[in-house]
C-alpha atoms as a PDB file:
ATOM      1  CA  MET A   1     125.354 -62.289  -0.401  1.00  0.00           C
ATOM      2  CA  PRO A   2     123.931 -65.378  -2.162  1.00  0.00           C
ATOM      3  CA  THR A   3     125.388 -68.694  -1.099  1.00  0.00           C
ATOM      4  CA  TYR A   4     124.432 -71.063  -3.900  1.00  0.00           C
ATOM      5  CA  SER A   5     125.024 -71.611  -7.590  1.00  0.00           C
ATOM      6  CA  PRO A   6     122.427 -73.827  -9.316  1.00  0.00           C
ATOM      7  CA  LYS A   7     123.562 -76.949 -11.122  1.00  0.00           C
ATOM      8  CA  SER A   8     120.220 -78.547 -11.988  1.00  0.00           C
ATOM      9  CA  LEU A   9     116.754 -77.438 -13.090  1.00  0.00           C
ATOM     10  CA  SER A  10     115.364 -78.219  -9.644  1.00  0.00           C
ATOM     11  CA  GLU A  11     117.798 -75.712  -8.125  1.00  0.00           C
ATOM     12  CA  LEU A  12     116.823 -72.771 -10.357  1.00  0.00           C
ATOM     13  CA  ARG A  13     115.130 -69.986  -8.419  1.00  0.00           C
ATOM     14  CA  LEU A  14     113.151 -67.239 -10.134  1.00  0.00           C
ATOM     15  CA  PHE A  15     114.241 -63.643  -9.479  1.00  0.00           C
ATOM     16  CA  THR A  16     117.100 -64.774  -7.214  1.00  0.00           C
ATOM     17  CA  MET A  17     120.772 -63.936  -7.510  1.00  0.00           C
ATOM     18  CA  PRO A  18     123.118 -66.936  -7.295  1.00  0.00           C
ATOM     19  CA  GLU A  19     126.804 -66.705  -6.457  1.00  0.00           C
ATOM     20  CA  GLY A  20     129.293 -66.795  -9.309  1.00  0.00           C
ATOM     21  CA  GLY A  21     129.911 -69.999 -11.201  1.00  0.00           C
ATOM     22  CA  LEU A  22     130.760 -71.715 -14.461  1.00  0.00           C
ATOM     23  CA  ASP A  23     127.855 -72.871 -16.643  1.00  0.00           C
ATOM     24  CA  ARG A  24     128.253 -75.294 -19.564  1.00  0.00           C
ATOM     25  CA  LEU A  25     124.912 -75.008 -21.316  1.00  0.00           C
ATOM     26  CA  GLY A  26     123.324 -76.315 -24.469  1.00  0.00           C
ATOM     27  CA  PHE A  27     122.886 -73.512 -26.994  1.00  0.00           C
ATOM     28  CA  VAL A  28     120.978 -73.187 -30.270  1.00  0.00           C
ATOM     29  CA  THR A  29     121.243 -70.236 -32.632  1.00  0.00           C
ATOM     30  CA  TRP A  30     119.657 -69.285 -35.917  1.00  0.00           C
ATOM     31  CA  ASN A  31     122.191 -67.184 -37.811  1.00  0.00           C
ATOM     32  CA  THR A  32     121.210 -65.288 -40.921  1.00  0.00           C
ATOM     33  CA  ILE A  33     124.438 -64.932 -42.887  1.00  0.00           C
ATOM     34  CA  GLU A  34     125.157 -63.617 -46.345  1.00  0.00           C
ATOM     35  CA  VAL A  35     128.278 -65.142 -47.867  1.00  0.00           C
ATOM     36  CA  LEU A  36     129.276 -63.052 -50.865  1.00  0.00           C
ATOM     37  CA  GLY A  37     129.044 -65.194 -53.977  1.00  0.00           C
ATOM     38  CA  HIS A  38     127.059 -67.921 -52.197  1.00  0.00           C
ATOM     39  CA  GLY A  39     123.883 -66.104 -51.127  1.00  0.00           C
ATOM     40  CA  LEU A  40     121.901 -65.492 -47.943  1.00  0.00           C
ATOM     41  CA  ASP A  41     120.740 -68.261 -45.629  1.00  0.00           C
ATOM     42  CA  THR A  42     119.505 -68.772 -42.080  1.00  0.00           C
ATOM     43  CA  VAL A  43     121.490 -71.600 -40.512  1.00  0.00           C
ATOM     44  CA  GLU A  44     120.542 -73.463 -37.347  1.00  0.00           C
ATOM     45  CA  LEU A  45     123.640 -74.121 -35.248  1.00  0.00           C
ATOM     46  CA  ARG A  46     123.597 -76.456 -32.233  1.00  0.00           C
ATOM     47  CA  GLY A  47     126.135 -77.111 -29.529  1.00  0.00           C
ATOM     48  CA  TYR A  48     127.128 -75.508 -26.259  1.00  0.00           C
ATOM     49  CA  TYR A  49     128.772 -72.561 -24.598  1.00  0.00           C
ATOM     50  CA  VAL A  50     130.611 -72.045 -21.321  1.00  0.00           C
ATOM     51  CA  ILE A  51     129.778 -68.897 -19.372  1.00  0.00           C
ATOM     52  CA  ASP A  52     131.866 -67.717 -16.423  1.00  0.00           C
ATOM     53  CA  ARG A  53     129.668 -65.688 -14.038  1.00  0.00           C
ATOM     54  CA  ALA A  54     131.153 -63.314 -11.476  1.00  0.00           C
ATOM     55  CA  ASP A  55     129.529 -62.907  -8.083  1.00  0.00           C
ATOM     56  CA  PRO A  56     126.592 -60.476  -8.245  1.00  0.00           C
ATOM     57  CA  THR A  57     127.019 -56.954  -6.902  1.00  0.00           C
ATOM     58  CA  SER A  58     123.996 -57.415  -4.634  1.00  0.00           C
ATOM     59  CA  ALA A  59     121.811 -60.219  -3.301  1.00  0.00           C
ATOM     60  CA  ASP A  60     118.772 -58.231  -4.449  1.00  0.00           C
ATOM     61  CA  TRP A  61     117.458 -59.280  -7.873  1.00  0.00           C
ATOM     62  CA  ARG A  62     116.436 -55.796  -8.923  1.00  0.00           C
ATOM     63  CA  ASP A  63     119.593 -53.972  -7.842  1.00  0.00           C
ATOM     64  CA  ALA A  64     122.246 -56.515  -8.764  1.00  0.00           C
ATOM     65  CA  SER A  65     124.475 -56.701 -11.811  1.00  0.00           C
ATOM     66  CA  VAL A  66     126.628 -59.661 -12.845  1.00  0.00           C
ATOM     67  CA  ASP A  67     129.627 -59.618 -15.174  1.00  0.00           C
ATOM     68  CA  ILE A  68     129.745 -62.590 -17.541  1.00  0.00           C
ATOM     69  CA  PHE A  69     132.431 -63.985 -19.839  1.00  0.00           C
ATOM     70  CA  MET A  70     132.040 -66.493 -22.662  1.00  0.00           C
ATOM     71  CA  ARG A  71     134.948 -68.912 -22.243  1.00  0.00           C
ATOM     72  CA  GLU A  72     133.959 -71.467 -24.901  1.00  0.00           C
ATOM     73  CA  LEU A  73     131.544 -71.796 -27.801  1.00  0.00           C
ATOM     74  CA  SER A  74     131.125 -74.727 -30.157  1.00  0.00           C
ATOM     75  CA  LEU A  75     128.167 -74.695 -32.547  1.00  0.00           C
ATOM     76  CA  THR A  76     127.728 -76.632 -35.772  1.00  0.00           C
ATOM     77  CA  GLY A  77     125.177 -76.753 -38.562  1.00  0.00           C
ATOM     78  CA  VAL A  78     124.739 -76.993 -42.326  1.00  0.00           C
ATOM     79  CA  SER A  79     123.572 -74.287 -44.704  1.00  0.00           C
ATOM     80  CA  GLN A  80     121.721 -75.318 -47.843  1.00  0.00           C
ATOM     81  CA  LYS A  81     123.616 -72.575 -49.698  1.00  0.00           C
ATOM     82  CA  PHE A  82     127.165 -72.645 -48.337  1.00  0.00           C
ATOM     83  CA  GLY A  83     127.511 -75.945 -46.543  1.00  0.00           C
ATOM     84  CA  ARG A  84     128.994 -76.742 -43.151  1.00  0.00           C
ATOM     85  CA  VAL A  85     129.347 -74.047 -40.492  1.00  0.00           C
ATOM     86  CA  HIS A  86     131.188 -74.156 -37.177  1.00  0.00           C
ATOM     87  CA  ALA A  87     131.155 -71.192 -34.778  1.00  0.00           C
ATOM     88  CA  SER A  88     133.571 -70.655 -31.881  1.00  0.00           C
ATOM     89  CA  VAL A  89     134.947 -67.884 -29.674  1.00  0.00           C
ATOM     90  CA  ASN A  90     137.681 -65.941 -31.459  1.00  0.00           C
ATOM     91  CA  TYR A  91     140.541 -65.616 -28.998  1.00  0.00           C
ATOM     92  CA  GLY A  92     142.889 -64.295 -31.683  1.00  0.00           C
ATOM     93  CA  ILE A  93     141.259 -60.876 -31.961  1.00  0.00           C
ATOM     94  CA  GLY A  94     142.494 -59.787 -28.527  1.00  0.00           C
ATOM     95  CA  LYS A  95     139.028 -58.883 -27.205  1.00  0.00           C
ATOM     96  CA  GLN A  96     136.999 -60.844 -24.682  1.00  0.00           C
ATOM     97  CA  SER A  97     133.508 -62.050 -25.440  1.00  0.00           C
ATOM     98  CA  ARG A  98     131.820 -60.625 -22.395  1.00  0.00           C
ATOM     99  CA  GLY A  99     128.694 -58.979 -21.117  1.00  0.00           C
ATOM    100  CA  GLN A 100     126.578 -58.186 -18.121  1.00  0.00           C
ATOM    101  CA  VAL A 101     123.306 -58.945 -16.464  1.00  0.00           C
ATOM    102  CA  ARG A 102     122.415 -55.328 -15.838  1.00  0.00           C
ATOM    103  CA  ALA A 103     121.243 -53.630 -12.683  1.00  0.00           C
ATOM    104  CA  GLY A 104     117.588 -52.657 -12.701  1.00  0.00           C
ATOM    105  CA  THR A 105     114.992 -54.449 -14.768  1.00  0.00           C
ATOM    106  CA  ALA A 106     114.189 -54.738 -18.448  1.00  0.00           C
ATOM    107  CA  PHE A 107     110.969 -52.737 -18.091  1.00  0.00           C
ATOM    108  CA  PRO A 108     111.722 -49.424 -16.307  1.00  0.00           C
ATOM    109  CA  SER A 109     108.058 -48.374 -16.411  1.00  0.00           C
ATOM    110  CA  ILE A 110     107.261 -50.975 -13.742  1.00  0.00           C
ATOM    111  CA  ALA A 111     110.619 -51.007 -11.977  1.00  0.00           C
ATOM    112  CA  ASP A 112     109.126 -49.240  -8.927  1.00  0.00           C
ATOM    113  CA  SER A 113     106.515 -51.946  -8.464  1.00  0.00           C
ATOM    114  CA  PRO A 114     106.714 -53.644  -5.041  1.00  0.00           C
ATOM    115  CA  ILE A 115     106.495 -57.008  -6.815  1.00  0.00           C
ATOM    116  CA  VAL A 116     109.990 -58.249  -7.635  1.00  0.00           C
ATOM    117  CA  ALA A 117     108.909 -60.188 -10.715  1.00  0.00           C
ATOM    118  CA  ASP A 118     110.441 -58.225 -13.535  1.00  0.00           C
ATOM    119  CA  PRO A 119     113.003 -59.718 -15.919  1.00  0.00           C
ATOM    120  CA  LYS A 120     116.495 -58.326 -16.129  1.00  0.00           C
ATOM    121  CA  LEU A 121     118.367 -57.457 -19.312  1.00  0.00           C
ATOM    122  CA  CYS A 122     121.427 -59.569 -20.150  1.00  0.00           C
ATOM    123  CA  THR A 123     123.742 -58.297 -22.889  1.00  0.00           C
ATOM    124  CA  MET A 124     126.646 -60.215 -24.434  1.00  0.00           C
ATOM    125  CA  GLU A 125     129.208 -58.768 -26.853  1.00  0.00           C
ATOM    126  CA  GLY A 126     130.723 -61.638 -28.794  1.00  0.00           C
ATOM    127  CA  TYR A 127     133.803 -61.950 -30.978  1.00  0.00           C
ATOM    128  CA  MET A 128     133.386 -65.104 -33.016  1.00  0.00           C
ATOM    129  CA  LYS A 129     135.000 -67.177 -35.703  1.00  0.00           C
ATOM    130  CA  PHE A 130     132.881 -68.937 -38.328  1.00  0.00           C
ATOM    131  CA  GLU A 131     134.469 -71.800 -40.233  1.00  0.00           C
ATOM    132  CA  LEU A 132     132.788 -72.501 -43.601  1.00  0.00           C
ATOM    133  CA  PRO A 133     134.951 -75.262 -45.128  1.00  0.00           C
ATOM    134  CA  ASP A 134     132.639 -75.963 -48.074  1.00  0.00           C
ATOM    135  CA  ALA A 135     132.718 -72.281 -49.049  1.00  0.00           C
ATOM    136  CA  GLY A 136     136.511 -72.294 -48.589  1.00  0.00           C
ATOM    137  CA  VAL A 137     136.655 -69.545 -45.982  1.00  0.00           C
ATOM    138  CA  THR A 138     136.928 -68.880 -42.244  1.00  0.00           C
ATOM    139  CA  VAL A 139     135.629 -65.482 -41.147  1.00  0.00           C
ATOM    140  CA  PHE A 140     135.488 -63.362 -38.007  1.00  0.00           C
ATOM    141  CA  ASN A 141     133.870 -60.157 -36.783  1.00  0.00           C
ATOM    142  CA  LYS A 142     135.777 -57.033 -35.728  1.00  0.00           C
ATOM    143  CA  GLU A 143     132.646 -55.254 -34.467  1.00  0.00           C
ATOM    144  CA  ALA A 144     130.976 -57.049 -31.549  1.00  0.00           C
ATOM    145  CA  ILE A 145     127.938 -59.216 -32.171  1.00  0.00           C
ATOM    146  CA  VAL A 146     125.548 -57.869 -29.529  1.00  0.00           C
ATOM    147  CA  LEU A 147     123.044 -60.385 -28.138  1.00  0.00           C
ATOM    148  CA  GLN A 148     120.334 -59.498 -25.634  1.00  0.00           C
ATOM    149  CA  HIS A 149     118.105 -61.665 -23.465  1.00  0.00           C
ATOM    150  CA  LYS A 150     115.387 -60.742 -20.971  1.00  0.00           C
ATOM    151  CA  ILE A 151     115.904 -63.200 -18.135  1.00  0.00           C
ATOM    152  CA  THR A 152     113.983 -64.263 -15.042  1.00  0.00           C
ATOM    153  CA  HIS A 153     116.640 -66.568 -13.553  1.00  0.00           C
ATOM    154  CA  ILE A 154     120.385 -67.206 -13.659  1.00  0.00           C
ATOM    155  CA  PRO A 155     121.590 -69.091 -15.585  1.00  0.00           C
ATOM    156  CA  PRO A 156     118.831 -68.289 -18.134  1.00  0.00           C
ATOM    157  CA  ILE A 157     117.965 -71.861 -19.087  1.00  0.00           C
ATOM    158  CA  GLY A 158     114.936 -72.120 -21.362  1.00  0.00           C
ATOM    159  CA  GLN A 159     115.099 -68.483 -22.366  1.00  0.00           C
ATOM    160  CA  GLY A 160     116.147 -66.863 -25.612  1.00  0.00           C
ATOM    161  CA  GLY A 161     116.901 -63.647 -27.412  1.00  0.00           C
ATOM    162  CA  GLY A 162     119.394 -62.542 -30.012  1.00  0.00           C
ATOM    163  CA  THR A 163     120.309 -59.420 -31.914  1.00  0.00           C
ATOM    164  CA  LEU A 164     117.848 -56.549 -31.838  1.00  0.00           C
ATOM    165  CA  GLY A 165     116.360 -57.457 -35.196  1.00  0.00           C
ATOM    166  CA  ARG A 166     118.411 -57.065 -38.342  1.00  0.00           C
ATOM    167  CA  VAL A 167     122.044 -56.026 -38.030  1.00  0.00           C
ATOM    168  CA  GLU A 168     124.953 -55.689 -40.421  1.00  0.00           C
ATOM    169  CA  VAL A 169     128.112 -57.137 -38.900  1.00  0.00           C
ATOM    170  CA  ASP A 170     130.899 -57.521 -41.456  1.00  0.00           C
ATOM    171  CA  LEU A 171     132.809 -60.807 -41.421  1.00  0.00           C
ATOM    172  CA  TYR A 172     136.433 -60.775 -42.577  1.00  0.00           C
ATOM    173  CA  PRO A 173     138.574 -63.686 -43.783  1.00  0.00           C
ATOM    174  CA  VAL A 174     141.110 -64.792 -41.179  1.00  0.00           C
ATOM    175  CA  ASP A 175     143.767 -65.135 -43.888  1.00  0.00           C
ATOM    176  CA  ASN A 176     143.230 -61.505 -45.021  1.00  0.00           C
ATOM    177  CA  PRO A 177     141.959 -59.636 -41.952  1.00  0.00           C
ATOM    178  CA  ASP A 178     142.712 -56.190 -43.379  1.00  0.00           C
ATOM    179  CA  GLY A 179     140.945 -56.913 -46.650  1.00  0.00           C
ATOM    180  CA  SER A 180     137.301 -56.476 -47.533  1.00  0.00           C
ATOM    181  CA  PRO A 181     134.593 -58.443 -45.740  1.00  0.00           C
ATOM    182  CA  VAL A 182     133.500 -61.611 -47.535  1.00  0.00           C
ATOM    183  CA  ALA A 183     130.342 -62.243 -45.516  1.00  0.00           C
ATOM    184  CA  ILE A 184     127.800 -60.304 -43.451  1.00  0.00           C
ATOM    185  CA  LEU A 185     125.953 -61.434 -40.344  1.00  0.00           C
ATOM    186  CA  ARG A 186     122.381 -60.151 -40.664  1.00  0.00           C
ATOM    187  CA  GLU A 187     120.604 -61.546 -37.594  1.00  0.00           C
ATOM    188  CA  VAL A 188     120.970 -63.996 -34.705  1.00  0.00           C
ATOM    189  CA  LYS A 189     118.222 -65.646 -32.669  1.00  0.00           C
ATOM    190  CA  THR A 190     119.118 -67.794 -29.671  1.00  0.00           C
ATOM    191  CA  ALA A 191     117.735 -70.432 -27.320  1.00  0.00           C
ATOM    192  CA  ILE A 192     119.522 -71.469 -24.128  1.00  0.00           C
ATOM    193  CA  ARG A 193     119.260 -75.117 -23.120  1.00  0.00           C
ATOM    194  CA  ALA A 194     120.041 -76.999 -19.906  1.00  0.00           C
ATOM    195  CA  TRP A 195     123.373 -77.938 -18.343  1.00  0.00           C
ATOM    196  CA  LEU A 196     125.506 -80.446 -20.191  1.00  0.00           C
ATOM    197  CA  ASP A 197     127.559 -83.193 -18.630  1.00  0.00           C
ATOM    198  CA  GLU A 198     131.236 -82.364 -18.392  1.00  0.00           C
END
């Protein structure tokens, strides 16, 4: 099994499976959100997330899978239409924000190639809370926000992804969770930055 977990850019190894670890990484997202009564806007949010990586199931890049868990998320930005936005993991919903670096590769048509230089698919299912104080509401998703990245190294610093195009994830007010949605998440694009100091 692998015996290292990278902690700096110089330690990243392409197409190599590291042991499990905790990564606190810079994170940027572009969230297209429609807030009912306030309009549609794409908001750039910046901050960080903390990912807890399990040990891989194999030392082989192609065969291995890795379970991942989002332990923290803190992103902030400002919409021109509905003001300040802060996104975080929603622990109150009773579901973990989790995912997996999948076994195999992202391009099955070349998976039998002898060259082990194919990216893997990483999927994260997130349950988030979005605070919009200027719009007077805090909202959350009941259906997972599914993000996908094609990655060539772990952690996937410098890589990006997001939802598979346009989606329609309803966002409900935390003070009336059984009521009607008051916002809709339409799309997310992401960029993963380097490690942050503790």
